[in-house]
Amino acid sequence: METEKNYESLLILIGWINVSFAFVFFQLFCDIIAICMGIVLRNDYHATKHGRILIIVGIIAGITGWILNYLYL
């Protein structure tokens, strides 16, 4: 049970790192990884709140990253 909690916090950390990278680098790749982390958290770890937030923010970060990339280039 303790290792499951550690893995849950690791997945949350990886998801948020990918959300932050989706603004600047590799929008599509980091967006997909963040959404997948949210889905895994919702289904396997029963962390519905964190999972739902990661999915929504991952989609928003990917779209915003594409818009910012388009405006600056």
Protein backbone atom coordinates (compact mmCIF):
# COMPACT_ATOMS: atom_id res chain seq x y z
CA MET A 1 0.00 0.00 0.00
CA GLU A 2 2.87 2.36 0.77
CA THR A 3 4.55 1.74 -2.59
CA GLU A 4 1.26 2.39 -4.37
CA LYS A 5 1.08 5.80 -2.68
CA ASN A 6 4.66 6.53 -3.78
CA TYR A 7 3.85 5.60 -7.36
CA GLU A 8 0.74 7.77 -7.26
CA SER A 9 2.76 10.81 -6.22
CA LEU A 10 5.35 10.00 -8.89
CA LEU A 11 2.65 9.85 -11.58
CA ILE A 12 1.23 13.16 -10.39
CA LEU A 13 4.69 14.74 -10.54
CA ILE A 14 5.40 13.39 -14.03
CA GLY A 15 1.99 14.58 -15.20
CA TRP A 16 2.52 18.13 -13.96
CA ILE A 17 6.03 18.28 -15.43
CA ASN A 18 4.58 17.29 -18.80
CA VAL A 19 1.85 19.90 -18.46
CA SER A 20 4.48 22.59 -17.88
CA PHE A 21 6.55 21.32 -20.84
CA ALA A 22 3.45 21.35 -23.05
CA PHE A 23 3.46 25.15 -22.93
CA VAL A 24 6.96 25.44 -24.39
CA PHE A 25 8.37 22.17 -25.79
CA PHE A 26 6.87 19.23 -27.66
CA GLN A 27 3.23 20.24 -27.28
CA LEU A 28 1.65 17.12 -28.74
CA PHE A 29 3.95 14.60 -27.02
CA CYS A 30 3.79 16.20 -23.56
CA ASP A 31 0.05 16.77 -23.91
CA ILE A 32 -0.56 13.10 -24.64
CA ILE A 33 1.67 12.00 -21.74
CA ALA A 34 -0.15 14.33 -19.30
CA ILE A 35 -3.55 13.07 -20.44
CA CYS A 36 -2.41 9.45 -20.15
CA MET A 37 -1.12 10.08 -16.61
CA GLY A 38 -4.51 11.53 -15.71
CA ILE A 39 -6.30 8.50 -17.14
CA VAL A 40 -4.02 6.10 -15.25
CA LEU A 41 -4.54 8.02 -12.02
CA ARG A 42 -8.32 7.96 -12.45
CA ASN A 43 -8.65 4.30 -13.40
CA ASP A 44 -5.86 2.45 -11.61
CA TYR A 45 -5.12 4.55 -8.53
CA HIS A 46 -8.65 5.87 -7.91
CA ALA A 47 -7.34 9.43 -7.61
CA THR A 48 -10.26 10.87 -9.54
CA LYS A 49 -9.65 14.49 -8.55
CA HIS A 50 -5.99 14.56 -9.62
CA GLY A 51 -6.72 12.53 -12.72
CA ARG A 52 -9.53 14.76 -13.90
CA ILE A 53 -7.51 17.91 -13.27
CA LEU A 54 -4.51 16.53 -15.16
CA ILE A 55 -6.67 15.58 -18.13
CA ILE A 56 -8.34 18.99 -18.34
CA VAL A 57 -5.18 21.02 -17.74
CA GLY A 58 -3.23 18.80 -20.15
CA ILE A 59 -5.68 19.56 -22.94
CA ILE A 60 -5.67 23.28 -22.14
CA ALA A 61 -1.86 23.38 -21.96
CA GLY A 62 -1.50 21.62 -25.30
CA ILE A 63 -3.88 24.01 -27.05
CA THR A 64 -2.32 27.05 -25.39
CA GLY A 65 1.16 25.82 -26.27
CA TRP A 66 0.18 25.47 -29.93
CA ILE A 67 -1.27 28.99 -29.93
CA LEU A 68 1.82 30.46 -28.26
CA ASN A 69 4.08 28.59 -30.64
CA TYR A 70 2.10 29.92 -33.61
CA LEU A 71 2.24 33.51 -32.30
CA TYR A 72 5.99 33.50 -31.63
CA LEU A 73 7.06 31.83 -34.85
